[in-house]
N, C-alpha and C. Protein backbone atom coordinates (compact mmCIF):
# COMPACT_ATOMS: atom_id res chain seq x y z
N MET A 1 -25.27 67.47 66.65
CA MET A 1 -26.16 67.77 66.41
C MET A 1 -26.59 68.96 65.90
N LEU A 2 -25.64 69.40 66.23
CA LEU A 2 -25.04 70.99 65.46
C LEU A 2 -24.88 70.54 63.48
N ILE A 3 -23.92 69.94 63.51
CA ILE A 3 -23.38 69.29 61.92
C ILE A 3 -25.17 69.02 61.42
N TYR A 4 -25.85 68.19 61.73
CA TYR A 4 -27.44 67.25 61.19
C TYR A 4 -27.95 68.83 60.86
N LYS A 5 -28.09 69.91 62.19
CA LYS A 5 -28.76 70.85 61.35
C LYS A 5 -28.23 72.06 60.77
N LEU A 6 -26.52 72.11 60.74
CA LEU A 6 -26.03 72.69 59.48
C LEU A 6 -26.41 71.74 58.45
N CYS A 7 -26.17 70.76 58.12
CA CYS A 7 -26.67 70.03 56.88
C CYS A 7 -28.31 70.21 56.33
N LEU A 8 -28.93 69.78 57.19
CA LEU A 8 -30.30 70.34 56.88
C LEU A 8 -30.30 71.86 56.49
N ILE A 9 -29.79 72.67 56.86
CA ILE A 9 -29.85 74.08 56.26
C ILE A 9 -29.34 74.54 55.24
N SER A 10 -28.20 73.97 54.53
CA SER A 10 -27.73 73.90 53.83
C SER A 10 -28.31 73.19 52.75
N LYS A 11 -28.90 72.49 52.64
CA LYS A 11 -29.56 71.66 51.76
C LYS A 11 -30.66 72.39 50.63
N ILE A 12 -29.87 72.27 49.51
CA ILE A 12 -30.89 73.58 48.82
C ILE A 12 -31.70 73.16 47.73
N ASN A 13 -32.90 73.49 47.62
CA ASN A 13 -33.67 72.92 46.61
C ASN A 13 -33.87 73.26 45.11
N MET A 14 -34.07 72.43 44.28
CA MET A 14 -34.04 72.90 42.96
C MET A 14 -35.12 73.87 42.66
N PRO A 15 -34.95 75.05 42.27
CA PRO A 15 -36.14 76.16 41.84
C PRO A 15 -37.11 75.43 41.28
N LYS A 16 -38.62 75.43 41.28
CA LYS A 16 -39.89 74.78 40.53
C LYS A 16 -39.62 75.18 39.27
N ILE A 17 -39.34 75.90 38.66
CA ILE A 17 -39.03 75.88 37.38
C ILE A 17 -37.95 74.95 36.32
N PHE A 18 -37.44 74.26 36.98
CA PHE A 18 -36.23 72.93 36.78
C PHE A 18 -37.41 72.16 37.10
N LYS A 19 -37.53 72.42 37.92
CA LYS A 19 -38.86 70.51 38.43
C LYS A 19 -40.20 70.72 37.15
N LYS A 20 -40.88 71.56 36.70
CA LYS A 20 -41.38 71.65 36.10
C LYS A 20 -41.28 71.66 34.68
N ASN A 21 -40.18 71.95 34.23
CA ASN A 21 -39.79 72.32 32.61
C ASN A 21 -38.21 71.75 32.33
N LYS A 22 -38.26 70.87 32.34
CA LYS A 22 -37.05 70.08 31.88
C LYS A 22 -36.29 70.65 31.02
N PHE A 23 -36.97 71.54 30.00
CA PHE A 23 -36.03 71.96 28.80
C PHE A 23 -35.23 73.19 29.59
N ALA A 24 -35.78 73.75 30.70
CA ALA A 24 -34.92 75.06 31.09
C ALA A 24 -33.70 74.42 32.06
N LEU A 25 -33.94 73.51 32.66
CA LEU A 25 -32.86 72.34 33.21
C LEU A 25 -31.84 72.14 32.45
N LEU A 26 -31.99 71.99 31.04
CA LEU A 26 -31.12 71.39 30.01
C LEU A 26 -30.19 72.57 29.59
N GLY A 27 -31.31 73.68 29.58
CA GLY A 27 -30.96 74.76 28.77
C GLY A 27 -29.52 75.66 30.14
N ALA A 28 -30.22 75.46 31.24
CA ALA A 28 -29.29 76.23 32.25
C ALA A 28 -28.03 75.03 32.26
N ASN A 29 -28.26 74.04 31.94
CA ASN A 29 -26.84 72.87 31.84
C ASN A 29 -26.02 73.26 31.15
N ILE A 30 -26.53 73.37 29.71
CA ILE A 30 -25.64 73.61 28.65
C ILE A 30 -25.00 75.03 29.08
N ILE A 31 -25.72 76.14 29.49
CA ILE A 31 -25.19 77.55 29.34
C ILE A 31 -24.52 77.92 30.76
N SER A 32 -24.06 77.19 31.90
CA SER A 32 -23.23 77.10 32.90
C SER A 32 -22.09 76.23 32.41
N ILE A 33 -22.31 75.07 31.78
CA ILE A 33 -20.80 74.35 31.43
C ILE A 33 -19.94 75.02 29.90
N ALA A 34 -21.23 76.03 29.29
CA ALA A 34 -20.50 76.53 27.96
C ALA A 34 -19.57 77.72 28.63
N ILE A 35 -20.25 78.63 30.13
CA ILE A 35 -19.23 79.83 30.59
C ILE A 35 -18.51 79.06 31.05
N TRP A 36 -18.71 77.60 32.00
CA TRP A 36 -17.35 77.23 32.70
C TRP A 36 -16.09 76.87 31.51
N ILE A 37 -16.41 76.77 30.48
CA ILE A 37 -15.55 75.84 29.69
C ILE A 37 -14.74 77.63 28.91
N PHE A 38 -15.15 78.37 29.15
CA PHE A 38 -15.20 79.29 28.23
C PHE A 38 -14.21 79.94 29.28
N LEU A 39 -14.15 80.31 30.63
CA LEU A 39 -13.88 81.08 31.59
C LEU A 39 -12.22 80.12 31.69
N SER A 40 -12.64 78.97 31.81
CA SER A 40 -11.12 77.67 32.67
C SER A 40 -10.63 78.08 31.19
N SER A 41 -10.77 77.57 30.13
CA SER A 41 -9.94 77.70 28.90
C SER A 41 -9.11 79.18 28.75
N PHE A 42 -9.31 80.01 28.95
CA PHE A 42 -9.01 81.43 29.65
C PHE A 42 -7.71 81.58 30.00
N LEU A 43 -8.39 81.02 31.44
CA LEU A 43 -7.45 80.80 32.83
C LEU A 43 -6.22 80.19 32.36
N ILE A 44 -6.37 78.82 31.48
CA ILE A 44 -5.36 77.89 31.54
C ILE A 44 -4.21 78.40 30.82
N GLN A 45 -5.05 79.21 29.77
CA GLN A 45 -3.96 80.04 28.82
C GLN A 45 -3.16 81.02 29.50
N LEU A 46 -4.13 81.07 30.39
CA LEU A 46 -3.05 81.95 31.07
C LEU A 46 -1.77 81.57 32.32
N ILE A 47 -1.87 80.63 32.69
CA ILE A 47 -1.39 79.80 33.48
C ILE A 47 0.01 78.80 33.19
N THR A 48 -0.71 78.56 31.82
CA THR A 48 0.54 77.30 31.15
C THR A 48 1.67 78.47 29.98
N TYR A 49 2.54 77.58 30.01
CA TYR A 49 3.42 78.87 29.02
C TYR A 49 3.69 77.73 27.85
N GLU A 50 4.62 78.04 27.37
CA GLU A 50 5.38 76.97 25.78
C GLU A 50 5.44 75.58 25.66
N ASN A 51 7.00 75.43 27.08
CA ASN A 51 7.51 74.48 27.15
C ASN A 51 6.85 73.54 28.48
N ALA A 52 5.71 73.77 28.70
CA ALA A 52 5.43 73.26 30.18
C ALA A 52 5.18 71.46 30.06
N PRO A 53 5.76 71.34 30.90
CA PRO A 53 5.60 69.87 31.00
C PRO A 53 4.30 69.21 30.65
N PHE A 54 4.14 67.62 30.25
CA PHE A 54 3.21 67.49 29.72
C PHE A 54 1.72 67.05 30.76
N TYR A 55 2.19 66.98 32.28
CA TYR A 55 1.10 67.06 33.23
C TYR A 55 0.49 68.30 33.64
N ILE A 56 1.19 69.19 33.12
CA ILE A 56 0.53 70.39 33.61
C ILE A 56 -1.07 70.68 32.68
N TYR A 57 -0.55 70.10 31.29
CA TYR A 57 -1.52 70.19 30.01
C TYR A 57 -2.86 69.45 30.56
N LYS A 58 -2.29 68.22 31.30
CA LYS A 58 -2.98 67.39 31.63
C LYS A 58 -4.39 67.37 32.65
N LEU A 59 -3.57 68.51 33.95
CA LEU A 59 -4.05 68.81 35.21
C LEU A 59 -5.24 70.07 34.38
N GLY A 60 -4.86 70.88 33.56
CA GLY A 60 -5.40 72.14 33.04
C GLY A 60 -7.00 71.42 32.03
N GLU A 61 -6.66 70.23 31.43
CA GLU A 61 -8.24 69.51 30.62
C GLU A 61 -9.12 69.26 31.86
N LEU A 62 -7.97 68.76 33.20
CA LEU A 62 -9.04 67.91 34.35
C LEU A 62 -10.02 69.09 34.58
N PHE A 63 -8.96 70.10 34.93
CA PHE A 63 -9.57 71.54 35.53
C PHE A 63 -10.91 71.62 34.39
N LYS A 64 -11.01 71.81 33.18
CA LYS A 64 -11.19 72.72 32.44
C LYS A 64 -12.91 71.28 32.17
N TYR A 65 -12.45 70.65 32.51
CA TYR A 65 -14.24 69.12 31.86
C TYR A 65 -14.24 68.68 33.31
N LEU A 66 -13.51 68.45 34.07
CA LEU A 66 -14.48 68.08 35.33
C LEU A 66 -15.68 68.52 36.40
N PRO A 67 -15.46 70.01 36.31
CA PRO A 67 -16.27 70.30 36.87
C PRO A 67 -18.11 70.55 36.26
N PRO A 68 -18.08 70.10 35.12
CA PRO A 68 -19.28 70.25 34.33
C PRO A 68 -19.84 68.92 34.42
N ILE A 69 -19.24 67.86 34.49
CA ILE A 69 -19.38 66.22 34.60
C ILE A 69 -19.92 66.30 36.26
N TRP A 70 -19.61 66.96 36.99
CA TRP A 70 -19.61 67.05 38.51
C TRP A 70 -21.51 67.91 38.60
N LEU A 71 -21.23 69.10 37.99
CA LEU A 71 -22.63 70.03 38.17
C LEU A 71 -23.63 68.93 36.89
N THR A 72 -23.40 68.28 35.73
CA THR A 72 -24.36 67.50 35.00
C THR A 72 -24.73 66.18 35.93
N TYR A 73 -23.82 65.63 36.88
CA TYR A 73 -24.15 64.60 37.63
C TYR A 73 -25.24 65.03 38.61
N TYR A 74 -25.46 66.53 39.23
CA TYR A 74 -25.68 66.91 40.53
C TYR A 74 -27.54 67.59 39.76
N LEU A 75 -26.92 67.83 38.67
CA LEU A 75 -28.91 68.13 38.41
C LEU A 75 -29.56 67.19 38.18
N TRP A 76 -28.77 66.18 37.59
CA TRP A 76 -29.79 65.36 36.64
C TRP A 76 -29.77 63.39 38.03
N ILE A 77 -29.14 63.41 38.47
CA ILE A 77 -28.66 62.64 39.06
C ILE A 77 -29.11 62.77 40.28
N VAL A 78 -28.27 63.35 41.25
CA VAL A 78 -28.87 63.46 42.65
C VAL A 78 -29.93 64.23 42.83
N ARG A 79 -30.13 65.07 42.33
CA ARG A 79 -31.59 66.05 42.19
C ARG A 79 -32.48 65.34 41.19
N LYS A 80 -32.70 64.23 40.72
CA LYS A 80 -33.71 63.52 39.63
C LYS A 80 -34.36 64.49 39.07
N GLY A 81 -33.66 64.82 38.28
CA GLY A 81 -33.79 66.53 36.92
C GLY A 81 -34.92 65.38 36.26
N PHE A 82 -35.23 64.45 36.03
CA PHE A 82 -35.79 63.20 34.83
C PHE A 82 -37.38 63.15 36.30
N ASN A 83 -36.92 63.37 37.07
CA ASN A 83 -38.57 63.02 37.89
C ASN A 83 -39.52 64.19 37.75
């Protein structure tokens, strides 16, 4: 019962501006993805070194591009951005 109540409390609704204006949602999505890619690229350059194994670079690419895909999926599919 406690877990169910915590799940209900933690459910966050989208702000009304995103429900009414799809261009605001699209703009927020693009800006957040651009900021994430910029910051993650900087962090990946700090962590990797010149002769790193190839899988380090592949993990860095996953770290860079997978969270924006999840964010886009959440905003547009799960939260029904088109409705």
